[in-house]
Amino acid sequence: MEQDQIQSVAFDIILHSGSSRTMIHEAFKMMRNSEFKNAADKLEASNEELLSAHQSQTDLIQQYTSGEDINMEIIMVHAQDHLMTTMTLREVALEMLHLYERLEKDNK
């Protein structure tokens, strides 16, 4: 795989995981405002972006496992880091959504 193709995949991963991260932070704000349904919807939309990023990653791994030579670049390392931290942030956000909902329920 050529350098420009690897960079393209890396930027695709960064783009989609970045969009997802923005949506997750929007969901946090909705949680603080007790907009739980909207927050859940936003987290679901953020997952769609993560799935797009993950698909780009999976395609690259499949090419590698089929024997294609892939030269890793620092931008790809950054993209992978961005994707994994965003996936973790979403998992935390889902847990926080449950906590916010429970807190509101318990305070009624």
PDB file of N, CA and C in Angstrom:
ATOM      1  N   MET A   1       0.855  -1.176   0.000  1.00  0.00           N
ATOM      2  CA  MET A   1       0.000   0.000   0.000  1.00  0.00           C
ATOM      3  C   MET A   1       0.898   1.235   0.000  1.00  0.00           C
ATOM      4  N   GLU A   2       0.535   2.190  -0.791  1.00  0.00           N
ATOM      5  CA  GLU A   2       1.326   3.405  -0.943  1.00  0.00           C
ATOM      6  C   GLU A   2       1.110   4.359   0.233  1.00  0.00           C
ATOM      7  N   GLN A   3       2.081   5.221   0.433  1.00  0.00           N
ATOM      8  CA  GLN A   3       2.060   6.164   1.542  1.00  0.00           C
ATOM      9  C   GLN A   3       0.808   7.039   1.520  1.00  0.00           C
ATOM     10  N   ASP A   4       0.424   7.533   0.353  1.00  0.00           N
ATOM     11  CA  ASP A   4      -0.753   8.411   0.295  1.00  0.00           C
ATOM     12  C   ASP A   4      -2.036   7.650   0.609  1.00  0.00           C
ATOM     13  N   GLN A   5      -2.090   6.355   0.299  1.00  0.00           N
ATOM     14  CA  GLN A   5      -3.263   5.549   0.642  1.00  0.00           C
ATOM     15  C   GLN A   5      -3.353   5.338   2.154  1.00  0.00           C
ATOM     16  N   ILE A   6      -2.223   5.079   2.788  1.00  0.00           N
ATOM     17  CA  ILE A   6      -2.197   4.914   4.238  1.00  0.00           C
ATOM     18  C   ILE A   6      -2.625   6.208   4.916  1.00  0.00           C
ATOM     19  N   GLN A   7      -2.122   7.327   4.419  1.00  0.00           N
ATOM     20  CA  GLN A   7      -2.505   8.619   4.978  1.00  0.00           C
ATOM     21  C   GLN A   7      -3.998   8.870   4.802  1.00  0.00           C
ATOM     22  N   SER A   8      -4.541   8.480   3.668  1.00  0.00           N
ATOM     23  CA  SER A   8      -5.969   8.650   3.416  1.00  0.00           C
ATOM     24  C   SER A   8      -6.807   7.837   4.406  1.00  0.00           C
ATOM     25  N   VAL A   9      -6.393   6.607   4.641  1.00  0.00           N
ATOM     26  CA  VAL A   9      -7.099   5.764   5.613  1.00  0.00           C
ATOM     27  C   VAL A   9      -6.988   6.392   7.007  1.00  0.00           C
ATOM     28  N   ALA A  10      -5.810   6.857   7.357  1.00  0.00           N
ATOM     29  CA  ALA A  10      -5.605   7.477   8.671  1.00  0.00           C
ATOM     30  C   ALA A  10      -6.503   8.697   8.845  1.00  0.00           C
ATOM     31  N   PHE A  11      -6.568   9.544   7.840  1.00  0.00           N
ATOM     32  CA  PHE A  11      -7.406  10.734   7.951  1.00  0.00           C
ATOM     33  C   PHE A  11      -8.883  10.375   7.986  1.00  0.00           C
ATOM     34  N   ASP A  12      -9.277   9.308   7.323  1.00  0.00           N
ATOM     35  CA  ASP A  12     -10.662   8.838   7.381  1.00  0.00           C
ATOM     36  C   ASP A  12     -10.999   8.395   8.806  1.00  0.00           C
ATOM     37  N   ILE A  13     -10.094   7.665   9.421  1.00  0.00           N
ATOM     38  CA  ILE A  13     -10.302   7.225  10.799  1.00  0.00           C
ATOM     39  C   ILE A  13     -10.393   8.431  11.732  1.00  0.00           C
ATOM     40  N   ILE A  14      -9.490   9.386  11.560  1.00  0.00           N
ATOM     41  CA  ILE A  14      -9.487  10.593  12.395  1.00  0.00           C
ATOM     42  C   ILE A  14     -10.776  11.394  12.191  1.00  0.00           C
ATOM     43  N   LEU A  15     -11.206  11.534  10.952  1.00  0.00           N
ATOM     44  CA  LEU A  15     -12.433  12.283  10.648  1.00  0.00           C
ATOM     45  C   LEU A  15     -13.642  11.682  11.353  1.00  0.00           C
ATOM     46  N   HIS A  16     -13.830  10.378  11.180  1.00  0.00           N
ATOM     47  CA  HIS A  16     -15.022   9.742  11.754  1.00  0.00           C
ATOM     48  C   HIS A  16     -14.947   9.649  13.274  1.00  0.00           C
ATOM     49  N   SER A  17     -13.782   9.349  13.807  1.00  0.00           N
ATOM     50  CA  SER A  17     -13.689   9.283  15.268  1.00  0.00           C
ATOM     51  C   SER A  17     -13.807  10.684  15.875  1.00  0.00           C
ATOM     52  N   GLY A  18     -13.324  11.691  15.172  1.00  0.00           N
ATOM     53  CA  GLY A  18     -13.486  13.070  15.641  1.00  0.00           C
ATOM     54  C   GLY A  18     -14.940  13.504  15.650  1.00  0.00           C
ATOM     55  N   SER A  19     -15.669  13.134  14.605  1.00  0.00           N
ATOM     56  CA  SER A  19     -17.111  13.437  14.567  1.00  0.00           C
ATOM     57  C   SER A  19     -17.827  12.740  15.711  1.00  0.00           C
ATOM     58  N   SER A  20     -17.437  11.499  15.949  1.00  0.00           N
ATOM     59  CA  SER A  20     -18.034  10.745  17.045  1.00  0.00           C
ATOM     60  C   SER A  20     -17.750  11.416  18.382  1.00  0.00           C
ATOM     61  N   ARG A  21     -16.514  11.828  18.585  1.00  0.00           N
ATOM     62  CA  ARG A  21     -16.131  12.480  19.849  1.00  0.00           C
ATOM     63  C   ARG A  21     -16.950  13.751  20.067  1.00  0.00           C
ATOM     64  N   THR A  22     -17.158  14.532  19.017  1.00  0.00           N
ATOM     65  CA  THR A  22     -17.971  15.743  19.136  1.00  0.00           C
ATOM     66  C   THR A  22     -19.386  15.398  19.568  1.00  0.00           C
ATOM     67  N   MET A  23     -19.949  14.360  18.969  1.00  0.00           N
ATOM     68  CA  MET A  23     -21.308  13.936  19.331  1.00  0.00           C
ATOM     69  C   MET A  23     -21.376  13.461  20.778  1.00  0.00           C
ATOM     70  N   ILE A  24     -20.351  12.771  21.227  1.00  0.00           N
ATOM     71  CA  ILE A  24     -20.317  12.296  22.611  1.00  0.00           C
ATOM     72  C   ILE A  24     -20.329  13.477  23.572  1.00  0.00           C
ATOM     73  N   HIS A  25     -19.557  14.497  23.279  1.00  0.00           N
ATOM     74  CA  HIS A  25     -19.544  15.683  24.153  1.00  0.00           C
ATOM     75  C   HIS A  25     -20.885  16.412  24.112  1.00  0.00           C
ATOM     76  N   GLU A  26     -21.553  16.393  22.963  1.00  0.00           N
ATOM     77  CA  GLU A  26     -22.901  16.955  22.888  1.00  0.00           C
ATOM     78  C   GLU A  26     -23.857  16.144  23.766  1.00  0.00           C
ATOM     79  N   ALA A  27     -23.688  14.827  23.774  1.00  0.00           N
ATOM     80  CA  ALA A  27     -24.525  13.964  24.606  1.00  0.00           C
ATOM     81  C   ALA A  27     -24.293  14.235  26.090  1.00  0.00           C
ATOM     82  N   PHE A  28     -23.037  14.495  26.481  1.00  0.00           N
ATOM     83  CA  PHE A  28     -22.759  14.845  27.876  1.00  0.00           C
ATOM     84  C   PHE A  28     -23.565  16.086  28.283  1.00  0.00           C
ATOM     85  N   LYS A  29     -23.585  17.075  27.408  1.00  0.00           N
ATOM     86  CA  LYS A  29     -24.333  18.299  27.706  1.00  0.00           C
ATOM     87  C   LYS A  29     -25.820  17.987  27.845  1.00  0.00           C
ATOM     88  N   MET A  30     -26.333  17.140  26.974  1.00  0.00           N
ATOM     89  CA  MET A  30     -27.741  16.754  27.060  1.00  0.00           C
ATOM     90  C   MET A  30     -28.031  16.015  28.368  1.00  0.00           C
ATOM     91  N   MET A  31     -27.115  15.169  28.780  1.00  0.00           N
ATOM     92  CA  MET A  31     -27.288  14.459  30.054  1.00  0.00           C
ATOM     93  C   MET A  31     -27.400  15.441  31.205  1.00  0.00           C
ATOM     94  N   ARG A  32     -26.519  16.440  31.223  1.00  0.00           N
ATOM     95  CA  ARG A  32     -26.543  17.436  32.298  1.00  0.00           C
ATOM     96  C   ARG A  32     -27.861  18.204  32.324  1.00  0.00           C
ATOM     97  N   ASN A  33     -28.522  18.300  31.169  1.00  0.00           N
ATOM     98  CA  ASN A  33     -29.799  19.003  31.054  1.00  0.00           C
ATOM     99  C   ASN A  33     -30.998  18.053  31.143  1.00  0.00           C
ATOM    100  N   SER A  34     -30.749  16.828  31.545  1.00  0.00           N
ATOM    101  CA  SER A  34     -31.791  15.798  31.706  1.00  0.00           C
ATOM    102  C   SER A  34     -32.509  15.470  30.400  1.00  0.00           C
ATOM    103  N   GLU A  35     -31.834  15.640  29.285  1.00  0.00           N
ATOM    104  CA  GLU A  35     -32.386  15.295  27.970  1.00  0.00           C
ATOM    105  C   GLU A  35     -31.895  13.890  27.598  1.00  0.00           C
ATOM    106  N   PHE A  36     -32.375  12.896  28.334  1.00  0.00           N
ATOM    107  CA  PHE A  36     -31.815  11.561  28.247  1.00  0.00           C
ATOM    108  C   PHE A  36     -32.088  10.863  26.907  1.00  0.00           C
ATOM    109  N   LYS A  37     -33.274  11.029  26.375  1.00  0.00           N
ATOM    110  CA  LYS A  37     -33.580  10.413  25.083  1.00  0.00           C
ATOM    111  C   LYS A  37     -32.706  11.010  23.985  1.00  0.00           C
ATOM    112  N   ASN A  38     -32.557  12.327  23.994  1.00  0.00           N
ATOM    113  CA  ASN A  38     -31.702  12.986  23.011  1.00  0.00           C
ATOM    114  C   ASN A  38     -30.252  12.548  23.167  1.00  0.00           C
ATOM    115  N   ALA A  39     -29.809  12.404  24.423  1.00  0.00           N
ATOM    116  CA  ALA A  39     -28.439  11.966  24.677  1.00  0.00           C
ATOM    117  C   ALA A  39     -28.228  10.546  24.147  1.00  0.00           C
ATOM    118  N   ALA A  40     -29.189   9.672  24.388  1.00  0.00           N
ATOM    119  CA  ALA A  40     -29.084   8.290  23.899  1.00  0.00           C
ATOM    120  C   ALA A  40     -29.042   8.267  22.370  1.00  0.00           C
ATOM    121  N   ASP A  41     -29.872   9.081  21.751  1.00  0.00           N
ATOM    122  CA  ASP A  41     -29.879   9.161  20.283  1.00  0.00           C
ATOM    123  C   ASP A  41     -28.542   9.677  19.761  1.00  0.00           C
ATOM    124  N   LYS A  42     -27.989  10.664  20.453  1.00  0.00           N
ATOM    125  CA  LYS A  42     -26.709  11.235  20.032  1.00  0.00           C
ATOM    126  C   LYS A  42     -25.591  10.196  20.181  1.00  0.00           C
ATOM    127  N   LEU A  43     -25.642   9.406  21.247  1.00  0.00           N
ATOM    128  CA  LEU A  43     -24.640   8.360  21.439  1.00  0.00           C
ATOM    129  C   LEU A  43     -24.780   7.267  20.378  1.00  0.00           C
ATOM    130  N   GLU A  44     -25.998   7.001  19.956  1.00  0.00           N
ATOM    131  CA  GLU A  44     -26.192   6.025  18.880  1.00  0.00           C
ATOM    132  C   GLU A  44     -25.618   6.568  17.569  1.00  0.00           C
ATOM    133  N   ALA A  45     -25.844   7.843  17.306  1.00  0.00           N
ATOM    134  CA  ALA A  45     -25.273   8.467  16.105  1.00  0.00           C
ATOM    135  C   ALA A  45     -23.750   8.461  16.176  1.00  0.00           C
ATOM    136  N   SER A  46     -23.209   8.674  17.370  1.00  0.00           N
ATOM    137  CA  SER A  46     -21.758   8.655  17.521  1.00  0.00           C
ATOM    138  C   SER A  46     -21.205   7.270  17.219  1.00  0.00           C
ATOM    139  N   ASN A  47     -21.986   6.252  17.534  1.00  0.00           N
ATOM    140  CA  ASN A  47     -21.542   4.890  17.242  1.00  0.00           C
ATOM    141  C   ASN A  47     -21.478   4.636  15.744  1.00  0.00           C
ATOM    142  N   GLU A  48     -22.375   5.228  14.991  1.00  0.00           N
ATOM    143  CA  GLU A  48     -22.341   5.077  13.528  1.00  0.00           C
ATOM    144  C   GLU A  48     -21.033   5.628  12.962  1.00  0.00           C
ATOM    145  N   GLU A  49     -20.598   6.756  13.503  1.00  0.00           N
ATOM    146  CA  GLU A  49     -19.318   7.327  13.077  1.00  0.00           C
ATOM    147  C   GLU A  49     -18.155   6.410  13.461  1.00  0.00           C
ATOM    148  N   LEU A  50     -18.234   5.847  14.659  1.00  0.00           N
ATOM    149  CA  LEU A  50     -17.185   4.921  15.085  1.00  0.00           C
ATOM    150  C   LEU A  50     -17.145   3.683  14.198  1.00  0.00           C
ATOM    151  N   LEU A  51     -18.316   3.216  13.803  1.00  0.00           N
ATOM    152  CA  LEU A  51     -18.362   2.050  12.911  1.00  0.00           C
ATOM    153  C   LEU A  51     -17.704   2.359  11.568  1.00  0.00           C
ATOM    154  N   SER A  52     -17.893   3.564  11.074  1.00  0.00           N
ATOM    155  CA  SER A  52     -17.240   3.960   9.818  1.00  0.00           C
ATOM    156  C   SER A  52     -15.726   3.988   9.983  1.00  0.00           C
ATOM    157  N   ALA A  53     -15.275   4.551  11.094  1.00  0.00           N
ATOM    158  CA  ALA A  53     -13.833   4.589  11.359  1.00  0.00           C
ATOM    159  C   ALA A  53     -13.284   3.180  11.527  1.00  0.00           C
ATOM    160  N   HIS A  54     -14.012   2.368  12.251  1.00  0.00           N
ATOM    161  CA  HIS A  54     -13.565   0.995  12.502  1.00  0.00           C
ATOM    162  C   HIS A  54     -13.511   0.193  11.208  1.00  0.00           C
ATOM    163  N   GLN A  55     -14.430   0.457  10.290  1.00  0.00           N
ATOM    164  CA  GLN A  55     -14.423  -0.255   9.014  1.00  0.00           C
ATOM    165  C   GLN A  55     -13.170   0.080   8.213  1.00  0.00           C
ATOM    166  N   SER A  56     -12.757   1.322   8.245  1.00  0.00           N
ATOM    167  CA  SER A  56     -11.517   1.703   7.567  1.00  0.00           C
ATOM    168  C   SER A  56     -10.331   0.964   8.171  1.00  0.00           C
ATOM    169  N   GLN A  57     -10.315   0.869   9.488  1.00  0.00           N
ATOM    170  CA  GLN A  57      -9.259   0.144  10.184  1.00  0.00           C
ATOM    171  C   GLN A  57      -9.293  -1.342   9.798  1.00  0.00           C
ATOM    172  N   THR A  58     -10.480  -1.924   9.781  1.00  0.00           N
ATOM    173  CA  THR A  58     -10.637  -3.342   9.449  1.00  0.00           C
ATOM    174  C   THR A  58     -10.179  -3.635   8.026  1.00  0.00           C
ATOM    175  N   ASP A  59     -10.520  -2.757   7.102  1.00  0.00           N
ATOM    176  CA  ASP A  59     -10.086  -2.935   5.714  1.00  0.00           C
ATOM    177  C   ASP A  59      -8.558  -2.967   5.628  1.00  0.00           C
ATOM    178  N   LEU A  60      -7.921  -2.085   6.360  1.00  0.00           N
ATOM    179  CA  LEU A  60      -6.462  -2.031   6.370  1.00  0.00           C
ATOM    180  C   LEU A  60      -5.872  -3.315   6.957  1.00  0.00           C
ATOM    181  N   ILE A  61      -6.443  -3.788   8.036  1.00  0.00           N
ATOM    182  CA  ILE A  61      -5.961  -5.026   8.664  1.00  0.00           C
ATOM    183  C   ILE A  61      -6.146  -6.216   7.728  1.00  0.00           C
ATOM    184  N   GLN A  62      -7.262  -6.259   7.028  1.00  0.00           N
ATOM    185  CA  GLN A  62      -7.502  -7.352   6.073  1.00  0.00           C
ATOM    186  C   GLN A  62      -6.472  -7.337   4.952  1.00  0.00           C
ATOM    187  N   GLN A  63      -6.117  -6.163   4.482  1.00  0.00           N
ATOM    188  CA  GLN A  63      -5.088  -6.067   3.450  1.00  0.00           C
ATOM    189  C   GLN A  63      -3.753  -6.573   3.981  1.00  0.00           C
ATOM    190  N   TYR A  64      -3.457  -6.218   5.219  1.00  0.00           N
ATOM    191  CA  TYR A  64      -2.207  -6.663   5.844  1.00  0.00           C
ATOM    192  C   TYR A  64      -2.192  -8.186   6.007  1.00  0.00           C
ATOM    193  N   THR A  65      -3.291  -8.758   6.488  1.00  0.00           N
ATOM    194  CA  THR A  65      -3.330 -10.204   6.714  1.00  0.00           C
ATOM    195  C   THR A  65      -3.343 -10.999   5.416  1.00  0.00           C
ATOM    196  N   SER A  66      -3.709 -10.352   4.319  1.00  0.00           N
ATOM    197  CA  SER A  66      -3.671 -11.047   3.030  1.00  0.00           C
ATOM    198  C   SER A  66      -2.291 -10.946   2.381  1.00  0.00           C
ATOM    199  N   GLY A  67      -1.346 -10.348   3.107  1.00  0.00           N
ATOM    200  CA  GLY A  67       0.023 -10.327   2.626  1.00  0.00           C
ATOM    201  C   GLY A  67       0.511  -9.021   2.051  1.00  0.00           C
ATOM    202  N   GLU A  68      -0.359  -8.030   1.995  1.00  0.00           N
ATOM    203  CA  GLU A  68       0.061  -6.741   1.452  1.00  0.00           C
ATOM    204  C   GLU A  68       0.995  -6.037   2.434  1.00  0.00           C
ATOM    205  N   ASP A  69       2.036  -5.427   1.922  1.00  0.00           N
ATOM    206  CA  ASP A  69       3.005  -4.713   2.751  1.00  0.00           C
ATOM    207  C   ASP A  69       2.414  -3.367   3.156  1.00  0.00           C
ATOM    208  N   ILE A  70       2.293  -3.166   4.471  1.00  0.00           N
ATOM    209  CA  ILE A  70       1.755  -1.910   5.007  1.00  0.00           C
ATOM    210  C   ILE A  70       2.852  -1.259   5.847  1.00  0.00           C
ATOM    211  N   ASN A  71       3.285  -0.086   5.440  1.00  0.00           N
ATOM    212  CA  ASN A  71       4.276   0.666   6.206  1.00  0.00           C
ATOM    213  C   ASN A  71       3.537   1.635   7.119  1.00  0.00           C
ATOM    214  N   MET A  72       3.652   1.403   8.414  1.00  0.00           N
ATOM    215  CA  MET A  72       2.969   2.266   9.373  1.00  0.00           C
ATOM    216  C   MET A  72       3.652   3.632   9.430  1.00  0.00           C
ATOM    217  N   GLU A  73       2.841   4.643   9.522  1.00  0.00           N
ATOM    218  CA  GLU A  73       3.319   6.006   9.650  1.00  0.00           C
ATOM    219  C   GLU A  73       2.791   6.575  10.953  1.00  0.00           C
ATOM    220  N   ILE A  74       3.412   7.618  11.418  1.00  0.00           N
ATOM    221  CA  ILE A  74       3.012   8.230  12.681  1.00  0.00           C
ATOM    222  C   ILE A  74       1.560   8.707  12.629  1.00  0.00           C
ATOM    223  N   ILE A  75       1.082   9.140  11.475  1.00  0.00           N
ATOM    224  CA  ILE A  75      -0.306   9.597  11.372  1.00  0.00           C
ATOM    225  C   ILE A  75      -1.270   8.435  11.601  1.00  0.00           C
ATOM    226  N   MET A  76      -0.881   7.224  11.196  1.00  0.00           N
ATOM    227  CA  MET A  76      -1.737   6.065  11.431  1.00  0.00           C
ATOM    228  C   MET A  76      -1.740   5.705  12.917  1.00  0.00           C
ATOM    229  N   VAL A  77      -0.603   5.836  13.568  1.00  0.00           N
ATOM    230  CA  VAL A  77      -0.545   5.593  15.014  1.00  0.00           C
ATOM    231  C   VAL A  77      -1.470   6.588  15.719  1.00  0.00           C
ATOM    232  N   HIS A  78      -1.415   7.834  15.302  1.00  0.00           N
ATOM    233  CA  HIS A  78      -2.291   8.860  15.876  1.00  0.00           C
ATOM    234  C   HIS A  78      -3.760   8.512  15.620  1.00  0.00           C
ATOM    235  N   ALA A  79      -4.074   8.084  14.418  1.00  0.00           N
ATOM    236  CA  ALA A  79      -5.452   7.730  14.078  1.00  0.00           C
ATOM    237  C   ALA A  79      -5.953   6.582  14.952  1.00  0.00           C
ATOM    238  N   GLN A  80      -5.118   5.577  15.135  1.00  0.00           N
ATOM    239  CA  GLN A  80      -5.490   4.442  15.970  1.00  0.00           C
ATOM    240  C   GLN A  80      -5.735   4.889  17.409  1.00  0.00           C
ATOM    241  N   ASP A  81      -4.877   5.744  17.907  1.00  0.00           N
ATOM    242  CA  ASP A  81      -5.029   6.264  19.260  1.00  0.00           C
ATOM    243  C   ASP A  81      -6.325   7.054  19.392  1.00  0.00           C
ATOM    244  N   HIS A  82      -6.603   7.874  18.402  1.00  0.00           N
ATOM    245  CA  HIS A  82      -7.817   8.690  18.386  1.00  0.00           C
ATOM    246  C   HIS A  82      -9.053   7.795  18.407  1.00  0.00           C
ATOM    247  N   LEU A  83      -9.043   6.766  17.595  1.00  0.00           N
ATOM    248  CA  LEU A  83     -10.181   5.850  17.519  1.00  0.00           C
ATOM    249  C   LEU A  83     -10.398   5.137  18.851  1.00  0.00           C
ATOM    250  N   MET A  84      -9.347   4.594  19.412  1.00  0.00           N
ATOM    251  CA  MET A  84      -9.495   3.814  20.644  1.00  0.00           C
ATOM    252  C   MET A  84      -9.924   4.688  21.826  1.00  0.00           C
ATOM    253  N   THR A  85      -9.397   5.895  21.929  1.00  0.00           N
ATOM    254  CA  THR A  85      -9.807   6.749  23.046  1.00  0.00           C
ATOM    255  C   THR A  85     -11.257   7.200  22.877  1.00  0.00           C
ATOM    256  N   THR A  86     -11.686   7.399  21.640  1.00  0.00           N
ATOM    257  CA  THR A  86     -13.078   7.787  21.412  1.00  0.00           C
ATOM    258  C   THR A  86     -14.016   6.626  21.716  1.00  0.00           C
ATOM    259  N   MET A  87     -13.613   5.420  21.368  1.00  0.00           N
ATOM    260  CA  MET A  87     -14.432   4.253  21.693  1.00  0.00           C
ATOM    261  C   MET A  87     -14.575   4.114  23.219  1.00  0.00           C
ATOM    262  N   THR A  88     -13.496   4.351  23.927  1.00  0.00           N
ATOM    263  CA  THR A  88     -13.536   4.279  25.387  1.00  0.00           C
ATOM    264  C   THR A  88     -14.405   5.393  25.958  1.00  0.00           C
ATOM    265  N   LEU A  89     -14.281   6.592  25.411  1.00  0.00           N
ATOM    266  CA  LEU A  89     -15.099   7.713  25.866  1.00  0.00           C
ATOM    267  C   LEU A  89     -16.577   7.403  25.683  1.00  0.00           C
ATOM    268  N   ARG A  90     -16.944   6.771  24.581  1.00  0.00           N
ATOM    269  CA  ARG A  90     -18.345   6.432  24.352  1.00  0.00           C
ATOM    270  C   ARG A  90     -18.839   5.423  25.380  1.00  0.00           C
ATOM    271  N   GLU A  91     -18.015   4.451  25.703  1.00  0.00           N
ATOM    272  CA  GLU A  91     -18.400   3.472  26.726  1.00  0.00           C
ATOM    273  C   GLU A  91     -18.645   4.166  28.069  1.00  0.00           C
ATOM    274  N   VAL A  92     -17.784   5.100  28.418  1.00  0.00           N
ATOM    275  CA  VAL A  92     -17.961   5.854  29.657  1.00  0.00           C
ATOM    276  C   VAL A  92     -19.247   6.677  29.582  1.00  0.00           C
ATOM    277  N   ALA A  93     -19.505   7.299  28.446  1.00  0.00           N
ATOM    278  CA  ALA A  93     -20.717   8.111  28.280  1.00  0.00           C
ATOM    279  C   ALA A  93     -21.978   7.267  28.449  1.00  0.00           C
ATOM    280  N   LEU A  94     -21.974   6.058  27.931  1.00  0.00           N
ATOM    281  CA  LEU A  94     -23.139   5.181  28.098  1.00  0.00           C
ATOM    282  C   LEU A  94     -23.375   4.870  29.572  1.00  0.00           C
ATOM    283  N   GLU A  95     -22.307   4.624  30.304  1.00  0.00           N
ATOM    284  CA  GLU A  95     -22.439   4.372  31.738  1.00  0.00           C
ATOM    285  C   GLU A  95     -22.940   5.620  32.458  1.00  0.00           C
ATOM    286  N   MET A  96     -22.423   6.765  32.076  1.00  0.00           N
ATOM    287  CA  MET A  96     -22.853   8.011  32.713  1.00  0.00           C
ATOM    288  C   MET A  96     -24.319   8.306  32.426  1.00  0.00           C
ATOM    289  N   LEU A  97     -24.775   7.974  31.232  1.00  0.00           N
ATOM    290  CA  LEU A  97     -26.191   8.168  30.904  1.00  0.00           C
ATOM    291  C   LEU A  97     -27.060   7.386  31.875  1.00  0.00           C
ATOM    292  N   HIS A  98     -26.687   6.141  32.137  1.00  0.00           N
ATOM    293  CA  HIS A  98     -27.450   5.333  33.101  1.00  0.00           C
ATOM    294  C   HIS A  98     -27.410   5.954  34.502  1.00  0.00           C
ATOM    295  N   LEU A  99     -26.257   6.462  34.879  1.00  0.00           N
ATOM    296  CA  LEU A  99     -26.137   7.084  36.195  1.00  0.00           C
ATOM    297  C   LEU A  99     -26.982   8.355  36.304  1.00  0.00           C
ATOM    298  N   TYR A 100     -26.937   9.199  35.277  1.00  0.00           N
ATOM    299  CA  TYR A 100     -27.759  10.406  35.283  1.00  0.00           C
ATOM    300  C   TYR A 100     -29.240  10.057  35.369  1.00  0.00           C
ATOM    301  N   GLU A 101     -29.664   9.061  34.592  1.00  0.00           N
ATOM    302  CA  GLU A 101     -31.077   8.656  34.621  1.00  0.00           C
ATOM    303  C   GLU A 101     -31.458   8.134  35.994  1.00  0.00           C
ATOM    304  N   ARG A 102     -30.598   7.329  36.588  1.00  0.00           N
ATOM    305  CA  ARG A 102     -30.900   6.778  37.909  1.00  0.00           C
ATOM    306  C   ARG A 102     -30.942   7.870  38.967  1.00  0.00           C
ATOM    307  N   LEU A 103     -29.992   8.791  38.881  1.00  0.00           N
ATOM    308  CA  LEU A 103     -29.958   9.895  39.828  1.00  0.00           C
ATOM    309  C   LEU A 103     -31.241  10.712  39.758  1.00  0.00           C
ATOM    310  N   GLU A 104     -31.683  11.006  38.560  1.00  0.00           N
ATOM    311  CA  GLU A 104     -32.913  11.786  38.423  1.00  0.00           C
ATOM    312  C   GLU A 104     -34.110  10.996  38.955  1.00  0.00           C
ATOM    313  N   LYS A 105     -34.162   9.717  38.659  1.00  0.00           N
ATOM    314  CA  LYS A 105     -35.256   8.868  39.134  1.00  0.00           C
ATOM    315  C   LYS A 105     -35.270   8.813  40.672  1.00  0.00           C
ATOM    316  N   ASP A 106     -34.099   8.654  41.271  1.00  0.00           N
ATOM    317  CA  ASP A 106     -33.996   8.562  42.728  1.00  0.00           C
ATOM    318  C   ASP A 106     -34.333   9.870  43.423  1.00  0.00           C
ATOM    319  N   ASN A 107     -34.159  10.994  42.724  1.00  0.00           N
ATOM    320  CA  ASN A 107     -34.444  12.306  43.313  1.00  0.00           C
ATOM    321  C   ASN A 107     -35.894  12.743  43.163  1.00  0.00           C
ATOM    322  N   LYS A 108     -36.709  11.927  42.544  1.00  0.00           N
ATOM    323  CA  LYS A 108     -38.130  12.296  42.364  1.00  0.00           C
ATOM    324  C   LYS A 108     -38.967  11.815  43.515  1.00  0.00           C
TER     325      LYS A 108
END
